[in-house]
């Protein structure tokens, strides 16, 4: 198992862009290398397009949703997705914010302005959710509502220990994604 992951990570670091399939819990390989895709996204240092293992897919990148939280990982993902964003027909920057306002999300106008300097006209939206609600599910619901064919997001913005104890968006997204997701760490 460790040899497979080490070899994949080594080869991934010499690639410009990774295209990976979502881990399929029904696939025997997922027992050999659990969370293979998540570990590769975290360790490779390259942007990765992760494709869901179920459903029908159309070429991604026409209708794009950006999950924005102002983090370094989100900024990296947007920069890595720039060629796709420049050719997209519709781009929306979405900020997930708790409905009671206890956790203020960063303003997204900064990333929208940066995108504009690169010829990408992006709209801004805020998705309100309740405390304790799964942010990943909120993002997937928003992507479905706007018929997005690609989600762009940063990956693993917290330490591994914090992700395990408190949770995060990356792991649940990798488990329940319904559309291709471009991730960067």
N, C-alpha and C. Protein backbone atom coordinates (compact mmCIF):
# COMPACT_ATOMS: atom_id res chain seq x y z
N UNK A 1 0.83 -1.19 0.00
CA UNK A 1 0.00 0.00 0.00
C UNK A 1 0.87 1.25 0.00
N UNK A 2 1.84 1.33 0.90
CA UNK A 2 2.68 2.52 1.00
C UNK A 2 3.50 2.71 -0.26
N UNK A 3 3.91 1.61 -0.89
CA UNK A 3 4.71 1.69 -2.11
C UNK A 3 3.87 2.28 -3.25
N UNK A 4 2.61 1.87 -3.34
CA UNK A 4 1.71 2.39 -4.37
C UNK A 4 1.53 3.89 -4.20
N UNK A 5 1.25 4.33 -2.98
CA UNK A 5 1.04 5.75 -2.72
C UNK A 5 2.32 6.55 -2.95
N UNK A 6 3.46 6.01 -2.53
CA UNK A 6 4.73 6.71 -2.72
C UNK A 6 5.04 6.87 -4.20
N UNK A 7 4.84 5.80 -4.98
CA UNK A 7 5.10 5.84 -6.42
C UNK A 7 4.16 6.83 -7.11
N UNK A 8 2.89 6.80 -6.76
CA UNK A 8 1.92 7.73 -7.36
C UNK A 8 2.29 9.17 -7.03
N UNK A 9 2.68 9.42 -5.78
CA UNK A 9 3.06 10.78 -5.38
C UNK A 9 4.29 11.25 -6.15
N UNK A 10 5.25 10.39 -6.32
CA UNK A 10 6.47 10.72 -7.05
C UNK A 10 6.14 11.10 -8.50
N UNK A 11 5.33 10.29 -9.16
CA UNK A 11 4.96 10.57 -10.55
C UNK A 11 4.08 11.82 -10.64
N UNK A 12 3.21 12.00 -9.68
CA UNK A 12 2.31 13.16 -9.69
C UNK A 12 3.09 14.47 -9.60
N UNK A 13 4.18 14.47 -8.88
CA UNK A 13 4.97 15.70 -8.73
C UNK A 13 5.66 16.12 -10.02
N UNK A 14 5.70 15.23 -10.99
CA UNK A 14 6.31 15.55 -12.29
C UNK A 14 5.24 15.80 -13.35
N UNK A 15 4.01 15.99 -12.92
CA UNK A 15 2.91 16.25 -13.84
C UNK A 15 2.49 17.71 -13.70
N UNK A 16 1.87 18.24 -14.73
CA UNK A 16 1.34 19.60 -14.66
C UNK A 16 -0.03 19.62 -14.00
N UNK A 17 -0.78 18.55 -14.21
CA UNK A 17 -2.18 18.51 -13.79
C UNK A 17 -2.57 17.05 -13.61
N UNK A 18 -3.29 16.75 -12.55
CA UNK A 18 -3.71 15.37 -12.30
C UNK A 18 -5.19 15.20 -12.61
N UNK A 19 -5.54 14.10 -13.22
CA UNK A 19 -6.94 13.73 -13.39
C UNK A 19 -7.11 12.40 -12.67
N UNK A 20 -7.96 12.44 -11.64
CA UNK A 20 -8.13 11.28 -10.77
C UNK A 20 -9.59 10.88 -10.70
N UNK A 21 -9.82 9.60 -10.49
CA UNK A 21 -11.18 9.12 -10.26
C UNK A 21 -11.45 9.07 -8.78
N UNK A 22 -12.65 9.44 -8.39
CA UNK A 22 -13.06 9.39 -7.00
C UNK A 22 -12.90 7.96 -6.48
N UNK A 23 -12.45 7.83 -5.23
CA UNK A 23 -12.37 6.51 -4.61
C UNK A 23 -13.76 5.88 -4.62
N UNK A 24 -13.85 4.63 -5.06
CA UNK A 24 -15.11 3.91 -5.10
C UNK A 24 -15.11 2.88 -3.98
N UNK A 25 -15.99 3.03 -2.99
CA UNK A 25 -15.97 2.10 -1.86
C UNK A 25 -16.26 0.66 -2.27
N UNK A 26 -16.85 0.45 -3.45
CA UNK A 26 -17.14 -0.90 -3.92
C UNK A 26 -15.95 -1.52 -4.65
N UNK A 27 -14.93 -0.73 -4.90
CA UNK A 27 -13.74 -1.20 -5.61
C UNK A 27 -12.76 -1.82 -4.61
N UNK A 28 -12.26 -2.99 -4.93
CA UNK A 28 -11.33 -3.68 -4.02
C UNK A 28 -10.07 -2.87 -3.78
N UNK A 29 -9.67 -2.04 -4.74
CA UNK A 29 -8.46 -1.23 -4.58
C UNK A 29 -8.58 -0.24 -3.44
N UNK A 30 -9.81 0.18 -3.10
CA UNK A 30 -9.98 1.14 -2.01
C UNK A 30 -9.64 0.52 -0.66
N UNK A 31 -9.66 -0.80 -0.57
CA UNK A 31 -9.25 -1.46 0.67
C UNK A 31 -7.74 -1.52 0.77
N UNK A 32 -7.08 -1.58 -0.37
CA UNK A 32 -5.61 -1.63 -0.39
C UNK A 32 -5.02 -0.27 -0.06
N UNK A 33 -5.60 0.79 -0.61
CA UNK A 33 -5.10 2.15 -0.41
C UNK A 33 -6.27 3.06 -0.05
N UNK A 34 -6.72 3.02 1.22
CA UNK A 34 -7.84 3.89 1.60
C UNK A 34 -7.47 5.36 1.49
N UNK A 35 -8.44 6.17 1.05
CA UNK A 35 -8.25 7.61 0.86
C UNK A 35 -7.07 7.93 -0.04
N UNK A 36 -6.88 7.10 -1.05
CA UNK A 36 -5.78 7.27 -2.00
C UNK A 36 -5.83 8.63 -2.67
N UNK A 37 -6.99 9.01 -3.17
CA UNK A 37 -7.12 10.28 -3.89
C UNK A 37 -6.86 11.45 -2.95
N UNK A 38 -7.44 11.44 -1.76
CA UNK A 38 -7.23 12.52 -0.80
C UNK A 38 -5.77 12.68 -0.43
N UNK A 39 -5.09 11.56 -0.20
CA UNK A 39 -3.67 11.62 0.15
C UNK A 39 -2.85 12.15 -1.02
N UNK A 40 -3.20 11.76 -2.23
CA UNK A 40 -2.46 12.23 -3.40
C UNK A 40 -2.66 13.73 -3.62
N UNK A 41 -3.90 14.20 -3.47
CA UNK A 41 -4.18 15.64 -3.59
C UNK A 41 -3.37 16.41 -2.54
N UNK A 42 -3.30 15.89 -1.35
CA UNK A 42 -2.60 16.56 -0.25
C UNK A 42 -1.09 16.58 -0.46
N UNK A 43 -0.53 15.47 -0.96
CA UNK A 43 0.92 15.33 -1.00
C UNK A 43 1.58 15.66 -2.34
N UNK A 44 0.82 15.71 -3.43
CA UNK A 44 1.43 15.85 -4.76
C UNK A 44 1.92 17.26 -5.06
N UNK A 45 1.24 18.26 -4.52
CA UNK A 45 1.63 19.63 -4.85
C UNK A 45 1.22 20.05 -6.24
N UNK A 46 0.23 19.38 -6.79
CA UNK A 46 -0.26 19.68 -8.12
C UNK A 46 -1.79 19.79 -8.09
N UNK A 47 -2.37 20.60 -8.97
CA UNK A 47 -3.83 20.65 -9.03
C UNK A 47 -4.38 19.32 -9.53
N UNK A 48 -5.53 18.95 -9.01
CA UNK A 48 -6.13 17.67 -9.39
C UNK A 48 -7.60 17.86 -9.74
N UNK A 49 -7.99 17.30 -10.86
CA UNK A 49 -9.39 17.23 -11.24
C UNK A 49 -9.86 15.84 -10.82
N UNK A 50 -10.79 15.80 -9.86
CA UNK A 50 -11.30 14.53 -9.37
C UNK A 50 -12.68 14.32 -9.97
N UNK A 51 -12.85 13.20 -10.64
CA UNK A 51 -14.08 12.89 -11.35
C UNK A 51 -14.89 11.89 -10.54
N UNK A 52 -16.20 12.13 -10.35
CA UNK A 52 -17.01 11.20 -9.55
C UNK A 52 -17.12 9.83 -10.23
N UNK A 53 -17.28 8.80 -9.41
CA UNK A 53 -17.34 7.44 -9.95
C UNK A 53 -18.75 7.05 -10.43
N UNK A 54 -19.75 7.87 -10.16
CA UNK A 54 -21.10 7.57 -10.61
C UNK A 54 -21.67 8.73 -11.41
N UNK A 55 -22.72 8.45 -12.14
CA UNK A 55 -23.41 9.49 -12.90
C UNK A 55 -22.83 9.67 -14.27
N UNK A 56 -23.51 10.47 -15.07
CA UNK A 56 -23.02 10.77 -16.40
C UNK A 56 -22.35 12.14 -16.37
N UNK A 57 -21.30 12.26 -17.14
CA UNK A 57 -20.52 13.49 -17.13
C UNK A 57 -20.50 14.14 -18.51
N UNK A 58 -20.49 15.44 -18.48
CA UNK A 58 -20.29 16.23 -19.69
C UNK A 58 -18.94 16.90 -19.51
N UNK A 59 -18.32 17.35 -20.57
CA UNK A 59 -17.03 18.03 -20.39
C UNK A 59 -17.17 19.17 -19.38
N UNK A 60 -16.35 19.17 -18.33
CA UNK A 60 -16.48 20.22 -17.30
C UNK A 60 -15.88 21.53 -17.74
N UNK A 61 -16.38 22.60 -17.14
CA UNK A 61 -15.77 23.91 -17.33
C UNK A 61 -16.62 24.94 -18.03
N UNK A 62 -17.87 24.63 -18.33
CA UNK A 62 -18.73 25.63 -18.96
C UNK A 62 -19.45 26.46 -17.91
N UNK A 63 -19.85 25.81 -16.83
CA UNK A 63 -20.60 26.46 -15.75
C UNK A 63 -19.89 26.11 -14.44
N UNK A 64 -19.09 27.04 -13.92
CA UNK A 64 -18.16 26.74 -12.83
C UNK A 64 -18.57 27.43 -11.54
N UNK A 65 -18.51 26.68 -10.45
CA UNK A 65 -18.73 27.21 -9.10
C UNK A 65 -17.40 27.18 -8.36
N UNK A 66 -17.03 28.33 -7.80
CA UNK A 66 -15.81 28.43 -7.00
C UNK A 66 -16.22 28.51 -5.54
N UNK A 67 -15.71 27.59 -4.72
CA UNK A 67 -15.94 27.62 -3.28
C UNK A 67 -14.86 28.51 -2.68
N UNK A 68 -15.25 29.67 -2.16
CA UNK A 68 -14.26 30.65 -1.69
C UNK A 68 -14.35 30.85 -0.19
N UNK A 69 -13.21 30.66 0.49
CA UNK A 69 -13.14 30.94 1.92
C UNK A 69 -11.97 31.85 2.26
N UNK A 70 -11.31 32.37 1.24
CA UNK A 70 -10.20 33.29 1.46
C UNK A 70 -8.90 32.63 1.84
N UNK A 71 -8.85 31.30 1.86
CA UNK A 71 -7.64 30.60 2.30
C UNK A 71 -6.59 30.54 1.19
N UNK A 72 -5.39 30.21 1.58
CA UNK A 72 -4.30 30.01 0.63
C UNK A 72 -4.66 28.90 -0.35
N UNK A 73 -5.28 27.84 0.13
CA UNK A 73 -5.65 26.70 -0.72
C UNK A 73 -6.70 27.11 -1.75
N UNK A 74 -7.67 27.92 -1.33
CA UNK A 74 -8.70 28.38 -2.27
C UNK A 74 -8.08 29.28 -3.33
N UNK A 75 -7.18 30.17 -2.92
CA UNK A 75 -6.51 31.05 -3.88
C UNK A 75 -5.68 30.24 -4.88
N UNK A 76 -5.03 29.22 -4.38
CA UNK A 76 -4.23 28.34 -5.25
C UNK A 76 -5.13 27.62 -6.25
N UNK A 77 -6.27 27.13 -5.78
CA UNK A 77 -7.20 26.41 -6.67
C UNK A 77 -7.72 27.32 -7.77
N UNK A 78 -8.06 28.55 -7.42
CA UNK A 78 -8.56 29.50 -8.42
C UNK A 78 -7.47 29.80 -9.45
N UNK A 79 -6.25 30.02 -8.99
CA UNK A 79 -5.15 30.29 -9.92
C UNK A 79 -4.88 29.08 -10.81
N UNK A 80 -4.94 27.89 -10.23
CA UNK A 80 -4.71 26.67 -11.02
C UNK A 80 -5.82 26.44 -12.03
N UNK A 81 -7.02 26.88 -11.71
CA UNK A 81 -8.17 26.69 -12.61
C UNK A 81 -8.30 27.80 -13.64
N UNK A 82 -7.44 28.80 -13.58
CA UNK A 82 -7.58 29.99 -14.43
C UNK A 82 -7.80 29.67 -15.91
N UNK A 83 -7.04 28.76 -16.53
CA UNK A 83 -7.31 28.48 -17.95
C UNK A 83 -8.73 27.98 -18.20
N UNK A 84 -9.25 27.17 -17.30
CA UNK A 84 -10.63 26.69 -17.43
C UNK A 84 -11.63 27.82 -17.20
N UNK A 85 -11.33 28.68 -16.23
CA UNK A 85 -12.24 29.78 -15.91
C UNK A 85 -12.31 30.78 -17.07
N UNK A 86 -11.19 31.00 -17.75
CA UNK A 86 -11.16 31.95 -18.86
C UNK A 86 -12.03 31.49 -20.02
N UNK A 87 -12.22 30.19 -20.16
CA UNK A 87 -13.04 29.68 -21.26
C UNK A 87 -14.46 29.31 -20.80
N UNK A 88 -14.76 29.48 -19.52
CA UNK A 88 -16.10 29.14 -19.01
C UNK A 88 -17.13 30.16 -19.47
N UNK A 89 -18.34 29.69 -19.61
CA UNK A 89 -19.43 30.60 -19.98
C UNK A 89 -19.96 31.33 -18.76
N UNK A 90 -19.97 30.66 -17.62
CA UNK A 90 -20.51 31.24 -16.40
C UNK A 90 -19.64 30.82 -15.23
N UNK A 91 -19.23 31.79 -14.41
CA UNK A 91 -18.42 31.52 -13.21
C UNK A 91 -19.08 32.21 -12.03
N UNK A 92 -19.26 31.47 -10.95
CA UNK A 92 -19.83 32.03 -9.73
C UNK A 92 -18.90 31.74 -8.56
N UNK A 93 -18.60 32.77 -7.79
CA UNK A 93 -17.81 32.63 -6.56
C UNK A 93 -18.81 32.55 -5.42
N UNK A 94 -18.77 31.46 -4.68
CA UNK A 94 -19.73 31.23 -3.60
C UNK A 94 -19.03 31.18 -2.25
N UNK A 95 -19.59 31.90 -1.29
CA UNK A 95 -19.09 31.91 0.07
C UNK A 95 -20.16 31.26 0.94
N UNK A 96 -19.79 30.20 1.67
CA UNK A 96 -20.74 29.56 2.58
C UNK A 96 -20.61 30.25 3.93
N UNK A 97 -21.74 30.70 4.45
CA UNK A 97 -21.75 31.45 5.70
C UNK A 97 -22.88 30.92 6.58
N UNK A 98 -22.60 30.81 7.88
CA UNK A 98 -23.65 30.38 8.81
C UNK A 98 -24.76 31.42 8.87
N UNK A 99 -26.00 30.96 8.93
CA UNK A 99 -27.17 31.85 8.86
C UNK A 99 -27.20 32.86 9.99
N UNK A 100 -26.67 32.51 11.16
CA UNK A 100 -26.71 33.45 12.27
C UNK A 100 -25.55 34.44 12.25
N UNK A 101 -24.64 34.29 11.27
CA UNK A 101 -23.55 35.24 11.11
C UNK A 101 -22.42 35.08 12.10
N UNK A 102 -22.41 33.99 12.90
CA UNK A 102 -21.37 33.84 13.90
C UNK A 102 -19.99 33.64 13.29
N UNK A 103 -19.93 33.04 12.13
CA UNK A 103 -18.64 32.84 11.48
C UNK A 103 -18.65 33.64 10.19
N UNK A 104 -18.11 34.81 10.26
CA UNK A 104 -18.13 35.68 9.09
C UNK A 104 -17.21 35.12 8.00
N UNK A 105 -17.74 34.93 6.85
CA UNK A 105 -16.95 34.48 5.70
C UNK A 105 -16.22 35.69 5.10
N UNK A 106 -15.08 35.45 4.52
CA UNK A 106 -14.35 36.57 3.90
C UNK A 106 -15.11 37.09 2.69
N UNK A 107 -14.91 38.32 2.41
CA UNK A 107 -15.53 38.91 1.23
C UNK A 107 -14.94 38.25 -0.02
N UNK A 108 -15.76 38.03 -1.00
CA UNK A 108 -15.30 37.42 -2.23
C UNK A 108 -15.01 38.41 -3.33
N UNK A 109 -15.21 39.69 -3.03
CA UNK A 109 -15.00 40.71 -4.06
C UNK A 109 -13.54 40.75 -4.51
N UNK A 110 -12.63 40.39 -3.61
CA UNK A 110 -11.21 40.40 -3.97
C UNK A 110 -10.89 39.38 -5.05
N UNK A 111 -11.41 38.17 -4.92
CA UNK A 111 -11.14 37.15 -5.93
C UNK A 111 -11.88 37.47 -7.23
N UNK A 112 -13.08 38.02 -7.12
CA UNK A 112 -13.82 38.40 -8.32
C UNK A 112 -13.07 39.50 -9.08
N UNK A 113 -12.49 40.46 -8.37
CA UNK A 113 -11.71 41.52 -9.01
C UNK A 113 -10.46 40.94 -9.67
N UNK A 114 -9.79 40.01 -8.99
CA UNK A 114 -8.61 39.37 -9.56
C UNK A 114 -8.98 38.61 -10.83
N UNK A 115 -10.09 37.88 -10.79
CA UNK A 115 -10.54 37.14 -11.97
C UNK A 115 -10.85 38.11 -13.12
N UNK A 116 -11.44 39.24 -12.79
CA UNK A 116 -11.78 40.23 -13.81
C UNK A 116 -10.54 40.73 -14.53
N UNK A 117 -9.42 40.89 -13.82
CA UNK A 117 -8.19 41.32 -14.46
C UNK A 117 -7.67 40.28 -15.45
N UNK A 118 -8.18 39.04 -15.34
CA UNK A 118 -7.78 37.96 -16.24
C UNK A 118 -8.89 37.62 -17.24
N UNK A 119 -9.85 38.52 -17.38
CA UNK A 119 -10.89 38.34 -18.38
C UNK A 119 -12.01 37.41 -17.97
N UNK A 120 -12.13 37.12 -16.69
CA UNK A 120 -13.19 36.23 -16.20
C UNK A 120 -14.21 37.07 -15.46
N UNK A 121 -15.43 37.11 -15.97
CA UNK A 121 -16.51 37.84 -15.32
C UNK A 121 -17.23 36.88 -14.37
N UNK A 122 -17.00 37.04 -13.08
CA UNK A 122 -17.58 36.12 -12.09
C UNK A 122 -18.63 36.84 -11.25
N UNK A 123 -19.71 36.14 -10.97
CA UNK A 123 -20.72 36.67 -10.06
C UNK A 123 -20.39 36.20 -8.66
N UNK A 124 -20.95 36.89 -7.67
CA UNK A 124 -20.75 36.54 -6.27
C UNK A 124 -22.05 36.07 -5.66
N UNK A 125 -21.97 35.08 -4.79
CA UNK A 125 -23.15 34.64 -4.07
C UNK A 125 -22.74 34.16 -2.69
N UNK A 126 -23.69 34.16 -1.78
CA UNK A 126 -23.47 33.64 -0.43
C UNK A 126 -24.51 32.57 -0.18
N UNK A 127 -24.04 31.43 0.28
CA UNK A 127 -24.93 30.35 0.66
C UNK A 127 -24.99 30.33 2.18
N UNK A 128 -26.17 30.53 2.71
CA UNK A 128 -26.34 30.53 4.17
C UNK A 128 -26.68 29.11 4.62
N UNK A 129 -26.05 28.71 5.70
CA UNK A 129 -26.28 27.39 6.25
C UNK A 129 -26.38 27.49 7.77
N UNK A 130 -26.94 26.50 8.39
CA UNK A 130 -27.08 26.49 9.84
C UNK A 130 -25.84 25.90 10.49
N UNK A 131 -25.56 26.33 11.71
CA UNK A 131 -24.41 25.80 12.43
C UNK A 131 -24.60 24.29 12.57
N UNK A 132 -23.55 23.57 12.30
CA UNK A 132 -23.60 22.11 12.35
C UNK A 132 -23.93 21.49 11.00
N UNK A 133 -24.41 22.31 10.07
CA UNK A 133 -24.71 21.79 8.73
C UNK A 133 -23.40 21.51 8.01
N UNK A 134 -23.42 20.55 7.15
CA UNK A 134 -22.25 20.15 6.40
C UNK A 134 -22.02 21.14 5.25
N UNK A 135 -20.89 21.82 5.27
CA UNK A 135 -20.56 22.82 4.25
C UNK A 135 -20.43 22.14 2.88
N UNK A 136 -19.85 20.96 2.85
CA UNK A 136 -19.72 20.23 1.59
C UNK A 136 -21.07 19.96 0.95
N UNK A 137 -22.04 19.55 1.75
CA UNK A 137 -23.38 19.31 1.23
C UNK A 137 -24.00 20.60 0.73
N UNK A 138 -23.79 21.70 1.45
CA UNK A 138 -24.30 23.00 1.01
C UNK A 138 -23.71 23.39 -0.34
N UNK A 139 -22.40 23.15 -0.52
CA UNK A 139 -21.75 23.47 -1.80
C UNK A 139 -22.30 22.59 -2.93
N UNK A 140 -22.49 21.30 -2.65
CA UNK A 140 -23.03 20.41 -3.67
C UNK A 140 -24.46 20.79 -4.03
N UNK A 141 -25.24 21.21 -3.04
CA UNK A 141 -26.61 21.68 -3.31
C UNK A 141 -26.58 22.92 -4.19
N UNK A 142 -25.69 23.85 -3.87
CA UNK A 142 -25.56 25.09 -4.66
C UNK A 142 -25.13 24.76 -6.09
N UNK A 143 -24.17 23.84 -6.23
CA UNK A 143 -23.71 23.44 -7.56
C UNK A 143 -24.85 22.82 -8.36
N UNK A 144 -25.67 22.03 -7.71
CA UNK A 144 -26.82 21.42 -8.38
C UNK A 144 -27.83 22.49 -8.78
N UNK A 145 -28.11 23.43 -7.87
CA UNK A 145 -29.08 24.50 -8.17
C UNK A 145 -28.67 25.31 -9.39
N UNK A 146 -27.38 25.58 -9.53
CA UNK A 146 -26.93 26.40 -10.66
C UNK A 146 -26.48 25.56 -11.85
N UNK A 147 -26.69 24.24 -11.76
CA UNK A 147 -26.31 23.30 -12.82
C UNK A 147 -24.84 23.43 -13.20
N UNK A 148 -24.00 23.55 -12.17
CA UNK A 148 -22.55 23.64 -12.38
C UNK A 148 -22.03 22.30 -12.89
N UNK A 149 -21.03 22.37 -13.76
CA UNK A 149 -20.40 21.15 -14.24
C UNK A 149 -18.97 21.02 -13.72
N UNK A 150 -18.56 21.97 -12.87
CA UNK A 150 -17.24 21.94 -12.25
C UNK A 150 -17.27 22.76 -10.96
N UNK A 151 -16.69 22.19 -9.91
CA UNK A 151 -16.51 22.90 -8.64
C UNK A 151 -15.01 23.08 -8.44
N UNK A 152 -14.60 24.30 -8.11
CA UNK A 152 -13.19 24.62 -7.84
C UNK A 152 -13.08 24.94 -6.36
N UNK A 153 -12.15 24.27 -5.67
CA UNK A 153 -12.01 24.50 -4.24
C UNK A 153 -10.60 24.16 -3.77
N UNK A 154 -10.21 24.78 -2.68
CA UNK A 154 -8.97 24.41 -2.02
C UNK A 154 -9.18 23.11 -1.27
N UNK A 155 -8.09 22.39 -1.04
CA UNK A 155 -8.18 21.10 -0.36
C UNK A 155 -7.34 21.10 0.90
N UNK A 156 -7.89 20.54 1.94
CA UNK A 156 -7.19 20.36 3.21
C UNK A 156 -6.54 21.65 3.71
N UNK A 157 -7.39 22.61 4.03
CA UNK A 157 -6.91 23.87 4.56
C UNK A 157 -6.55 23.81 6.03
N UNK A 158 -6.89 22.70 6.68
CA UNK A 158 -6.56 22.51 8.09
C UNK A 158 -5.55 21.38 8.21
N UNK A 159 -4.90 21.28 9.35
CA UNK A 159 -3.97 20.18 9.57
C UNK A 159 -4.73 18.86 9.55
N UNK A 160 -4.01 17.77 9.30
CA UNK A 160 -4.66 16.45 9.28
C UNK A 160 -5.33 16.14 10.61
N UNK A 161 -4.68 16.50 11.71
CA UNK A 161 -5.26 16.23 13.03
C UNK A 161 -6.56 16.99 13.22
N UNK A 162 -6.57 18.27 12.85
CA UNK A 162 -7.78 19.07 12.99
C UNK A 162 -8.89 18.54 12.09
N UNK A 163 -8.53 18.13 10.87
CA UNK A 163 -9.52 17.55 9.95
C UNK A 163 -10.17 16.31 10.57
N UNK A 164 -9.35 15.47 11.20
CA UNK A 164 -9.88 14.23 11.78
C UNK A 164 -10.79 14.51 12.97
N UNK A 165 -10.40 15.48 13.81
CA UNK A 165 -11.16 15.75 15.03
C UNK A 165 -12.40 16.59 14.73
N UNK A 166 -12.22 17.70 14.04
CA UNK A 166 -13.32 18.64 13.83
C UNK A 166 -13.99 18.50 12.47
N UNK A 167 -13.35 17.78 11.59
CA UNK A 167 -13.92 17.65 10.25
C UNK A 167 -13.47 18.78 9.35
N UNK A 168 -13.86 18.72 8.13
CA UNK A 168 -13.53 19.72 7.14
C UNK A 168 -14.40 19.47 5.92
N UNK A 169 -14.13 20.15 4.86
CA UNK A 169 -14.95 20.01 3.66
C UNK A 169 -14.34 19.00 2.68
N UNK A 170 -13.03 18.87 2.64
CA UNK A 170 -12.37 18.07 1.62
C UNK A 170 -12.78 16.60 1.66
N UNK A 171 -12.63 15.96 2.79
CA UNK A 171 -12.92 14.53 2.87
C UNK A 171 -14.38 14.22 2.54
N UNK A 172 -15.36 14.92 3.15
CA UNK A 172 -16.74 14.63 2.75
C UNK A 172 -17.01 14.91 1.27
N UNK A 173 -16.34 15.93 0.71
CA UNK A 173 -16.50 16.23 -0.70
C UNK A 173 -15.98 15.07 -1.55
N UNK A 174 -14.82 14.55 -1.19
CA UNK A 174 -14.25 13.43 -1.94
C UNK A 174 -15.14 12.19 -1.84
N UNK A 175 -15.87 12.05 -0.74
CA UNK A 175 -16.73 10.88 -0.55
C UNK A 175 -18.08 11.01 -1.26
N UNK A 176 -18.62 12.24 -1.35
CA UNK A 176 -20.00 12.37 -1.84
C UNK A 176 -20.12 13.29 -3.06
N UNK A 177 -19.05 13.58 -3.75
CA UNK A 177 -19.09 14.49 -4.89
C UNK A 177 -20.03 13.97 -5.97
N UNK A 178 -20.71 14.91 -6.62
CA UNK A 178 -21.66 14.58 -7.69
C UNK A 178 -21.26 15.23 -9.01
N UNK A 179 -20.16 15.96 -9.01
CA UNK A 179 -19.66 16.61 -10.21
C UNK A 179 -18.14 16.65 -10.12
N UNK A 180 -17.45 16.87 -11.22
CA UNK A 180 -15.99 16.98 -11.15
C UNK A 180 -15.58 18.14 -10.26
N UNK A 181 -14.52 17.92 -9.47
CA UNK A 181 -14.03 18.95 -8.54
C UNK A 181 -12.54 19.15 -8.81
N UNK A 182 -12.17 20.41 -9.07
CA UNK A 182 -10.77 20.75 -9.20
C UNK A 182 -10.29 21.20 -7.83
N UNK A 183 -9.29 20.48 -7.30
CA UNK A 183 -8.77 20.77 -5.96
C UNK A 183 -7.29 21.09 -6.02
N UNK A 184 -6.88 21.99 -5.15
CA UNK A 184 -5.45 22.30 -4.99
C UNK A 184 -5.16 22.42 -3.50
N UNK A 185 -3.95 22.05 -3.14
CA UNK A 185 -3.52 22.20 -1.74
C UNK A 185 -2.26 23.03 -1.70
